[in-house]
Structure formats: C-alpha cells, structure tokens
C-alpha cells in the first residue's frame, strides 16, 4: 500500500496523505486491539458491516474476552498477540481501541508495521506523545484516522449540508453546554475511580477524554477553533483534573464560540446551538434520536434597522422545522464506511477524521490540562 507518488512527500501530502488509487484495496481487512465497550457498542461492528470491509481478527489482553466478542458477533478470529496481528498480511488497518495510556505504544507499532490505523480518542496522554504518533505515520506513509465518529454519522452529515447550504445564513456563533452530576464512583479512592477520571489512564478529566468529541464536532460543522481562552476549575475535588471548563474562541471562519463543561452540577444538561443571521439550529449532542430543531425567518427582511441607535423593526415570523435522521445501528458505522471507501479508492470520498484535525482538538484539551496543573502547583506552593 502506497500513498502519494513515493519519495519525498510535499506539504499537502504530509497533511492529507492522498491515496494512490493504483494501490487501492479491493477489500479492507481490519484488526482490532482491545474489545471494550466502544468496540461493542460504537465502532467495532462497522469493521464487518461496512461494504468492502472484513474483520480479520481481534486481540485483547484478556483472551477470553476476545473469544467471547468474536463468538457473539460471528466475525473475526482471535490473535494470540499484537505481534501476530501486525504480522498478518490480510490486516490492512488496525483499530486501536484501548484506554488512552496505551495509544502511543500500539499506534507506533502499527506505523512501524506499515499498516493504517484507526485510533481512539484522545489520541494520546500528552501533546508530546501525539507528536510522536504524527511523526511515525508521516515516516511510514500510512494513514492514521481518529475515532471522532460523529463526523461520519448521517445526523451530522445532514446537519453540515443544512449549514453549508445557507439555511440559517451566515453563521455568527456557536454555544455549547454540557453539565453532569458527579458520580459516587468518582468519590472512591484514586485507584478505584472510573478510568475516565484517572490521570494515569485517560488524561484525567471528562473534558480531556470525552469532550474532545464535542470540540471536534464544532470543527466539522463550522470550522477549526484557531484562537481560544480557557478558564478551568475543580469544584468537587473528587479527582485531580479539571471538572469545570469554560471556553471562548474564534474559528478559522471568524465564528465566535463559547462553551461550558461542568461535571459538578445538580443534573445533566446537553445543548448545542448554532446561530446565523437568518436562523439557528439547536440539538442534543448525546441524544442522537432527538430531532434537529431548525428555526429560520419566513421573511428575511422582517428585521430592519435604520441607524445605529434606533429604527424600524417588523415582527419576525419564524418557521420551525424538526428534522429527524434515522440512527445507525452502531454510531461508528458511517465513519468506518468512509474510511473503507477512501482506502478502496472510491472517487470523491475522503474521511475527514484525520490526525491533524484531532491535534487541533487536543491543542484545546491539553491547554486545559496544563492550566489545571498550574493551579495545582500554585496550591502546593502556598
């Protein structure tokens, strides 16, 4: 499998690694490292359900879990080791579906083996680790996709078409709110806490581990956040990392973004609002069955101003559309199909969940991590 023309890659190829369609695959063979919840309920089944794709096999540290997974799904064999999986010539791409503390180790091994990679988020425990992964795949000339699977979901592809089609006019801003109560498990001793809030396993916080999805979705829908300011806090003191983050930023398209993530409130709130000069879209980020609420002006001239301080304002008549998009049986299916189509050389198909896009998101979550670490340092020195 080769990408580009061979030899030295130009800057575009380094960023996009365009597939040489003469080497396109007839069938894409997958290997999976790890078989936790994300492989069961989100992305794993797509490796055998996608057209032109097959699951060759899976490896898990506890072999019996891998055996149970393949028996339950009826696809794939069980490898005895990661080395055996990487040596299998029928494996073209490896889904690294472990906890984040293992991502660097396995991603580097996949690159060294000359295979493509589908890497779970967050891509690494630190910015430096992520840069090592990026360098390894640039050296190998193979692709590293990242499991920001919402980019491939029909729901968000439909929404992007709505926005790109100008339904709400010029996009002015984005507001997101994500809150949740702390859990009893988060109050346990450090070694007994859920892995998502353990700094040695996940990076330490829900924002770092999970909300990368939400930040990536903002980038997909309205553009990459290129400048930002963060405020972080730890309100519950249940774990070391930040449990509250506020963000203000601007995208590459000069869209204003504001967000609040707080895991120390009385209940869960989940709101995502995109507003333009002709309407808005509001939706739930986590409830994929909930409709997209699109509100637009019936008469675009209904709001008119004369001068800066005053003027004439007609009552604006609004039209509200509730758009429901059928759910996939597994939310990762769409992205897996996009990856398979790109590797098979299907014209016009490129999976946008690239390592570079994931690094843009990591830049924000890593900044929040560093800010919280600085807070902890100051507290220790008092």
Protein backbone atom coordinates (compact mmCIF):
# COMPACT_ATOMS: atom_id res chain seq x y z
CA UNK A 1 0.00 0.00 0.00
CA UNK A 2 1.46 3.34 -1.00
CA UNK A 3 0.34 6.91 -0.61
CA UNK A 4 1.31 9.80 -2.86
CA UNK A 5 3.89 9.33 -5.59
CA UNK A 6 6.61 7.83 -3.41
CA UNK A 7 9.82 9.53 -2.32
CA UNK A 8 9.71 12.85 -0.50
CA UNK A 9 6.18 13.98 0.43
CA UNK A 10 5.14 17.54 -0.28
CA UNK A 11 3.29 19.61 2.35
CA UNK A 12 -0.17 18.69 1.03
CA UNK A 13 0.66 15.00 1.10
CA UNK A 14 2.00 15.29 4.65
CA UNK A 15 -1.31 16.78 5.75
CA UNK A 16 -3.65 14.63 3.69
CA UNK A 17 -1.64 11.59 2.51
CA UNK A 18 -3.63 11.22 -0.70
CA UNK A 19 -4.23 7.63 -1.71
CA UNK A 20 -2.56 6.37 -4.86
CA UNK A 21 -5.63 4.69 -6.36
CA UNK A 22 -3.44 2.23 -8.26
CA UNK A 23 -2.86 0.64 -4.85
CA UNK A 24 -6.46 0.88 -3.70
CA UNK A 25 -7.72 -2.17 -1.86
CA UNK A 26 -10.50 -4.44 -3.12
CA UNK A 27 -11.43 -5.42 0.43
CA UNK A 28 -10.15 -3.68 3.55
CA UNK A 29 -9.04 -6.09 6.25
CA UNK A 30 -9.29 -4.94 9.87
CA UNK A 31 -7.51 -5.99 13.02
CA UNK A 32 -8.69 -4.71 16.40
CA UNK A 33 -6.60 -4.19 19.54
CA UNK A 34 -8.89 -4.16 22.57
CA UNK A 35 -12.55 -5.12 22.90
CA UNK A 36 -14.10 -2.85 25.49
CA UNK A 37 -17.42 -1.03 25.39
CA UNK A 38 -16.51 1.23 22.45
CA UNK A 39 -15.80 -1.83 20.29
CA UNK A 40 -19.03 -3.46 21.36
CA UNK A 41 -21.48 -0.59 21.03
CA UNK A 42 -19.97 2.03 18.70
CA UNK A 43 -17.21 1.29 16.21
CA UNK A 44 -16.31 -2.40 16.27
CA UNK A 45 -19.27 -3.84 14.31
CA UNK A 46 -18.64 -1.42 11.43
CA UNK A 47 -15.45 -3.28 10.60
CA UNK A 48 -17.50 -6.23 9.35
CA UNK A 49 -20.73 -4.41 8.41
CA UNK A 50 -19.20 -1.86 6.03
CA UNK A 51 -19.33 -2.64 2.33
CA UNK A 52 -15.93 -3.78 1.08
CA UNK A 53 -14.69 -4.49 4.59
CA UNK A 54 -13.91 -7.55 6.67
CA UNK A 55 -12.81 -8.11 10.25
CA UNK A 56 -9.76 -10.37 10.15
CA UNK A 57 -9.31 -10.68 13.89
CA UNK A 58 -9.05 -9.15 17.33
CA UNK A 59 -6.57 -9.19 20.20
CA UNK A 60 -7.30 -8.39 23.81
CA UNK A 61 -5.13 -8.63 26.89
CA UNK A 62 -7.72 -11.00 28.36
CA UNK A 63 -8.04 -13.56 25.59
CA UNK A 64 -11.37 -14.94 26.81
CA UNK A 65 -13.00 -11.53 26.24
CA UNK A 66 -11.82 -11.51 22.63
CA UNK A 67 -13.10 -15.06 22.15
CA UNK A 68 -16.46 -14.10 23.61
CA UNK A 69 -16.65 -10.99 21.37
CA UNK A 70 -15.96 -12.90 18.15
CA UNK A 71 -18.41 -15.62 19.14
CA UNK A 72 -21.12 -13.07 19.91
CA UNK A 73 -20.61 -11.12 16.68
CA UNK A 74 -19.83 -14.08 14.46
CA UNK A 75 -16.87 -12.37 12.78
CA UNK A 76 -13.10 -12.41 13.13
CA UNK A 77 -10.58 -14.74 14.67
CA UNK A 78 -8.63 -14.23 17.90
CA UNK A 79 -4.94 -13.36 17.77
CA UNK A 80 -2.59 -14.60 20.48
CA UNK A 81 -0.51 -11.42 20.45
CA UNK A 82 -0.31 -7.93 18.99
CA UNK A 83 2.77 -9.07 17.08
CA UNK A 84 0.77 -11.84 15.42
CA UNK A 85 -1.96 -9.37 14.45
CA UNK A 86 0.53 -6.91 12.94
CA UNK A 87 2.31 -9.65 11.02
CA UNK A 88 -0.90 -10.85 9.34
CA UNK A 89 -0.76 -9.75 5.69
CA UNK A 90 -4.54 -9.70 5.40
CA UNK A 91 -4.75 -6.93 8.03
CA UNK A 92 -4.62 -3.56 6.26
CA UNK A 93 -5.77 -1.29 9.08
CA UNK A 94 -5.69 -1.65 12.85
CA UNK A 95 -8.28 -0.20 15.18
CA UNK A 96 -6.51 0.74 18.42
CA UNK A 97 -9.38 0.66 20.89
CA UNK A 98 -7.54 0.57 24.20
CA UNK A 99 -7.53 3.08 27.03
CA UNK A 100 -5.55 6.25 26.16
CA UNK A 101 -2.48 5.30 28.21
CA UNK A 102 -1.77 2.54 25.66
CA UNK A 103 -2.44 4.55 22.49
CA UNK A 104 1.13 5.66 21.87
CA UNK A 105 2.60 2.16 22.28
CA UNK A 106 0.19 0.49 19.88
CA UNK A 107 -0.04 3.35 17.36
CA UNK A 108 3.74 3.40 16.97
CA UNK A 109 3.74 -0.38 16.49
CA UNK A 110 1.06 -0.09 13.80
CA UNK A 111 3.06 2.58 11.97
CA UNK A 112 6.23 0.50 12.24
CA UNK A 113 4.36 -2.44 10.70
CA UNK A 114 3.41 -0.26 7.72
CA UNK A 115 -0.32 -0.51 8.32
CA UNK A 116 -3.05 2.10 8.51
CA UNK A 117 -4.51 2.95 11.90
CA UNK A 118 -7.88 3.90 13.34
CA UNK A 119 -7.01 5.39 16.72
CA UNK A 120 -9.41 6.01 19.56
CA UNK A 121 -9.60 9.46 21.11
CA UNK A 122 -7.99 11.14 22.89
CA UNK A 123 -5.08 10.25 20.66
CA UNK A 124 -2.53 10.37 23.49
CA UNK A 125 -1.94 11.29 27.13
CA UNK A 126 0.12 14.35 26.18
CA UNK A 127 0.92 16.74 23.35
CA UNK A 128 4.43 15.29 23.02
CA UNK A 129 3.10 11.74 22.69
CA UNK A 130 0.69 12.90 19.99
CA UNK A 131 3.55 14.50 18.06
CA UNK A 132 5.47 11.21 18.21
CA UNK A 133 2.48 9.41 16.72
CA UNK A 134 2.16 12.01 13.97
CA UNK A 135 5.87 11.70 13.08
CA UNK A 136 5.65 7.90 12.98
CA UNK A 137 2.83 7.88 10.43
CA UNK A 138 4.49 10.56 8.32
CA UNK A 139 7.55 8.31 8.22
CA UNK A 140 5.56 5.16 7.40
CA UNK A 141 3.44 6.86 4.72
CA UNK A 142 0.30 5.20 6.03
CA UNK A 143 -2.89 6.83 7.29
CA UNK A 144 -3.90 7.41 10.88
CA UNK A 145 -7.60 8.13 11.23
CA UNK A 146 -9.05 9.14 14.61
CA UNK A 147 -12.32 7.85 16.06
CA UNK A 148 -14.21 11.14 16.14
CA UNK A 149 -17.03 9.11 14.68
CA UNK A 150 -19.70 11.80 14.75
CA UNK A 151 -18.23 13.19 11.53
CA UNK A 152 -19.50 10.06 9.81
CA UNK A 153 -22.96 9.90 11.38
CA UNK A 154 -25.88 10.57 8.99
CA UNK A 155 -27.30 13.02 11.57
CA UNK A 156 -24.30 15.31 11.39
CA UNK A 157 -23.66 14.89 7.68
CA UNK A 158 -27.25 16.07 7.17
CA UNK A 159 -26.68 18.99 9.53
CA UNK A 160 -23.50 20.01 7.74
CA UNK A 161 -25.41 20.05 4.44
CA UNK A 162 -28.05 22.28 6.06
CA UNK A 163 -25.41 24.71 7.28
CA UNK A 164 -23.31 24.67 4.11
CA UNK A 165 -26.49 25.20 2.09
CA UNK A 166 -27.09 28.52 3.84
CA UNK A 167 -30.34 27.58 5.57
CA UNK A 168 -29.51 29.77 8.59
CA UNK A 169 -27.49 32.31 6.62
CA UNK A 170 -24.01 33.40 7.61
CA UNK A 171 -23.03 31.57 10.78
CA UNK A 172 -22.33 34.02 13.59
CA UNK A 173 -21.72 31.85 16.61
CA UNK A 174 -21.84 28.55 18.45
CA UNK A 175 -22.82 27.90 22.07
CA UNK A 176 -22.47 24.55 23.81
CA UNK A 177 -23.35 23.47 27.33
CA UNK A 178 -22.56 20.10 28.85
CA UNK A 179 -23.18 19.51 32.56
CA UNK A 180 -23.48 16.42 34.70
CA UNK A 181 -23.64 15.40 38.34
CA UNK A 182 -20.62 13.81 39.91
CA UNK A 183 -20.97 10.08 40.44
CA UNK A 184 -20.44 8.02 43.55
CA UNK A 185 -17.68 6.11 41.78
CA UNK A 186 -15.74 9.34 41.23
CA UNK A 187 -15.55 9.78 45.02
CA UNK A 188 -13.77 6.44 45.53
CA UNK A 189 -10.02 6.23 46.26
CA UNK A 190 -7.82 7.08 43.27
CA UNK A 191 -7.08 3.52 42.17
CA UNK A 192 -10.78 2.61 42.32
CA UNK A 193 -12.12 5.57 40.35
CA UNK A 194 -13.51 5.13 36.81
CA UNK A 195 -10.64 5.12 34.32
CA UNK A 196 -12.01 8.21 32.57
CA UNK A 197 -11.08 10.41 35.55
CA UNK A 198 -7.75 8.79 36.32
CA UNK A 199 -4.89 10.93 35.09
CA UNK A 200 -2.57 7.97 34.55
CA UNK A 201 -5.08 6.21 32.26
CA UNK A 202 -7.21 8.80 30.46
CA UNK A 203 -5.50 12.13 30.94
CA UNK A 204 -7.61 12.85 33.97
CA UNK A 205 -10.91 14.50 33.11
CA UNK A 206 -14.16 14.12 31.24
CA UNK A 207 -13.23 17.22 29.25
CA UNK A 208 -9.91 15.74 28.11
CA UNK A 209 -11.20 12.24 27.44
CA UNK A 210 -14.77 12.69 26.28
CA UNK A 211 -15.48 16.26 25.27
CA UNK A 212 -12.88 16.08 22.52
CA UNK A 213 -15.83 14.70 20.54
CA UNK A 214 -17.82 17.90 21.04
CA UNK A 215 -14.88 20.14 20.12
CA UNK A 216 -14.24 18.08 17.01
CA UNK A 217 -17.89 18.36 16.01
CA UNK A 218 -17.65 22.16 16.22
CA UNK A 219 -14.65 21.99 13.88
CA UNK A 220 -16.50 19.70 11.47
CA UNK A 221 -19.64 21.83 11.32
CA UNK A 222 -18.35 25.42 11.41
CA UNK A 223 -14.54 25.35 11.27
CA UNK A 224 -11.48 24.75 13.42
CA UNK A 225 -11.10 26.85 16.54
CA UNK A 226 -7.88 28.77 15.88
CA UNK A 227 -7.72 31.04 18.92
CA UNK A 228 -9.23 30.48 22.35
CA UNK A 229 -9.18 31.36 26.02
CA UNK A 230 -9.93 28.91 28.80
CA UNK A 231 -10.88 29.07 32.44
CA UNK A 232 -10.70 25.81 34.39
CA UNK A 233 -11.61 24.75 37.89
CA UNK A 234 -12.06 21.80 40.18
CA UNK A 235 -15.27 22.22 42.15
CA UNK A 236 -15.84 18.76 43.60
CA UNK A 237 -12.23 17.82 44.47
CA UNK A 238 -13.17 14.23 43.62
CA UNK A 239 -10.22 13.86 41.27
CA UNK A 240 -7.10 15.81 40.40
CA UNK A 241 -8.00 17.16 36.97
CA UNK A 242 -10.42 19.88 35.93
CA UNK A 243 -14.15 19.21 36.33
CA UNK A 244 -15.25 22.62 35.03
CA UNK A 245 -14.09 24.36 31.85
CA UNK A 246 -15.29 27.50 30.10
CA UNK A 247 -14.10 28.39 26.63
CA UNK A 248 -14.34 31.40 24.39
CA UNK A 249 -12.84 31.20 20.94
CA UNK A 250 -12.92 32.04 17.27
CA UNK A 251 -12.86 29.62 14.34
CA UNK A 252 -10.89 29.89 11.12
CA UNK A 253 -14.09 31.30 9.58
CA UNK A 254 -14.38 34.00 12.26
CA UNK A 255 -17.28 32.27 14.00
CA UNK A 256 -17.49 33.05 17.72
CA UNK A 257 -17.61 30.00 20.01
CA UNK A 258 -18.48 29.77 23.68
CA UNK A 259 -18.75 26.63 25.78
CA UNK A 260 -19.27 25.45 29.32
CA UNK A 261 -18.48 21.96 30.54
CA UNK A 262 -19.20 21.29 34.20
CA UNK A 263 -19.26 17.90 35.93
CA UNK A 264 -20.26 19.30 39.30
CA UNK A 265 -23.89 20.38 38.83
CA UNK A 266 -27.23 19.08 40.01
CA UNK A 267 -28.30 17.49 36.73
CA UNK A 268 -27.26 16.71 33.16
CA UNK A 269 -27.73 19.46 30.57
CA UNK A 270 -26.84 18.92 26.94
CA UNK A 271 -27.32 21.79 24.47
CA UNK A 272 -25.67 22.64 21.18
CA UNK A 273 -26.74 25.86 19.42
CA UNK A 274 -25.52 27.25 16.10
CA UNK A 275 -26.95 30.60 15.09
CA UNK A 276 -26.69 32.67 11.92
CA UNK A 277 -28.13 35.87 10.51
CA UNK A 278 -31.18 34.05 9.09
CA UNK A 279 -31.85 31.36 11.65
CA UNK A 280 -30.45 28.83 14.09
CA UNK A 281 -30.05 25.11 14.72
CA UNK A 282 -30.40 23.57 18.17
CA UNK A 283 -29.86 19.94 19.02
CA UNK A 284 -28.84 17.44 21.63
CA UNK A 285 -25.28 16.25 21.36
CA UNK A 286 -25.81 12.97 23.22
CA UNK A 287 -29.38 12.06 22.28
CA UNK A 288 -28.96 11.00 18.66
CA UNK A 289 -32.65 10.13 18.38
CA UNK A 290 -33.74 13.69 19.18
CA UNK A 291 -34.58 15.84 16.12
CA UNK A 292 -32.55 18.79 14.88
CA UNK A 293 -34.52 21.97 15.55
CA UNK A 294 -34.02 24.40 12.66
CA UNK A 295 -35.52 27.86 13.13
CA UNK A 296 -35.48 30.31 10.20
CA UNK A 297 -37.03 33.63 9.21
CA UNK A 298 -40.04 33.35 6.92
CA UNK A 299 -39.26 36.83 5.59
CA UNK A 300 -35.55 37.65 5.53
CA UNK A 301 -36.43 41.37 5.53
CA UNK A 302 -38.56 41.10 8.65
CA UNK A 303 -35.84 42.66 10.76
CA UNK A 304 -34.61 46.03 9.51
CA UNK A 305 -32.64 48.76 11.22
CA UNK A 306 -32.33 52.47 10.42
CA UNK A 307 -29.26 53.90 12.03
CA UNK A 308 -27.31 52.53 14.93
CA UNK A 309 -29.45 53.50 17.93
CA UNK A 310 -32.97 53.08 16.64
CA UNK A 311 -35.03 52.14 13.68
CA UNK A 312 -37.95 50.15 12.45
CA UNK A 313 -38.38 46.51 13.48
CA UNK A 314 -41.13 44.40 11.98
CA UNK A 315 -42.33 41.40 13.93
CA UNK A 316 -40.29 38.47 12.65
CA UNK A 317 -42.30 35.43 11.63
CA UNK A 318 -40.36 32.27 12.30
CA UNK A 319 -40.51 28.85 10.73
CA UNK A 320 -39.50 25.85 12.79
CA UNK A 321 -38.56 22.52 11.23
CA UNK A 322 -37.85 19.42 13.30
CA UNK A 323 -35.58 17.18 11.27
CA UNK A 324 -35.16 13.59 12.35
CA UNK A 325 -32.38 11.49 10.85
CA UNK A 326 -32.62 7.70 11.26
CA UNK A 327 -30.00 6.34 13.60
CA UNK A 328 -27.42 3.78 12.56
CA UNK A 329 -27.49 0.52 14.50
CA UNK A 330 -23.98 1.45 15.65
CA UNK A 331 -22.94 5.14 15.61
CA UNK A 332 -19.47 4.45 14.21
CA UNK A 333 -20.72 2.68 11.09
CA UNK A 334 -20.71 5.81 8.92
CA UNK A 335 -17.14 6.74 9.71
CA UNK A 336 -15.92 3.18 9.22
CA UNK A 337 -17.58 3.15 5.80
CA UNK A 338 -15.91 6.46 4.90
CA UNK A 339 -12.51 5.04 5.87
CA UNK A 340 -13.10 1.85 3.90
CA UNK A 341 -14.24 3.81 0.85
CA UNK A 342 -11.17 6.03 0.96
CA UNK A 343 -8.80 3.06 1.26
CA UNK A 344 -10.62 1.37 -1.62
CA UNK A 345 -10.15 4.46 -3.75
CA UNK A 346 -13.83 5.34 -4.12
CA UNK A 347 -13.85 8.64 -6.05
CA UNK A 348 -14.63 11.75 -4.02
CA UNK A 349 -14.52 10.04 -0.62
CA UNK A 350 -12.07 11.28 2.00
CA UNK A 351 -12.54 10.65 5.70
CA UNK A 352 -12.05 13.98 7.45
CA UNK A 353 -11.22 12.44 10.83
CA UNK A 354 -7.51 12.95 10.32
CA UNK A 355 -4.70 13.06 12.82
CA UNK A 356 -4.19 16.76 12.08
CA UNK A 357 -7.83 17.54 12.88
CA UNK A 358 -7.53 15.56 16.12
CA UNK A 359 -4.41 17.52 17.02
CA UNK A 360 -6.36 20.76 16.66
CA UNK A 361 -8.79 19.44 19.26
CA UNK A 362 -6.04 18.11 21.51
CA UNK A 363 -4.47 21.58 21.49
CA UNK A 364 -7.51 22.82 23.44
CA UNK A 365 -7.93 19.91 25.85
CA UNK A 366 -4.18 19.82 26.55
CA UNK A 367 -4.22 23.56 27.29
CA UNK A 368 -6.97 22.95 29.85
CA UNK A 369 -4.89 20.17 31.39
CA UNK A 370 -1.82 22.41 31.66
CA UNK A 371 -3.85 25.23 33.20
CA UNK A 372 -5.22 22.87 35.84
CA UNK A 373 -1.72 21.53 36.55
CA UNK A 374 -0.51 25.10 37.07
CA UNK A 375 -3.36 25.64 39.55
CA UNK A 376 -2.36 22.55 41.48
CA UNK A 377 1.26 23.68 41.55
CA UNK A 378 0.28 27.06 42.95
CA UNK A 379 -1.86 25.40 45.63
CA UNK A 380 1.04 23.15 46.70
CA UNK A 381 3.36 26.14 47.00
CA UNK A 382 1.02 28.10 49.26
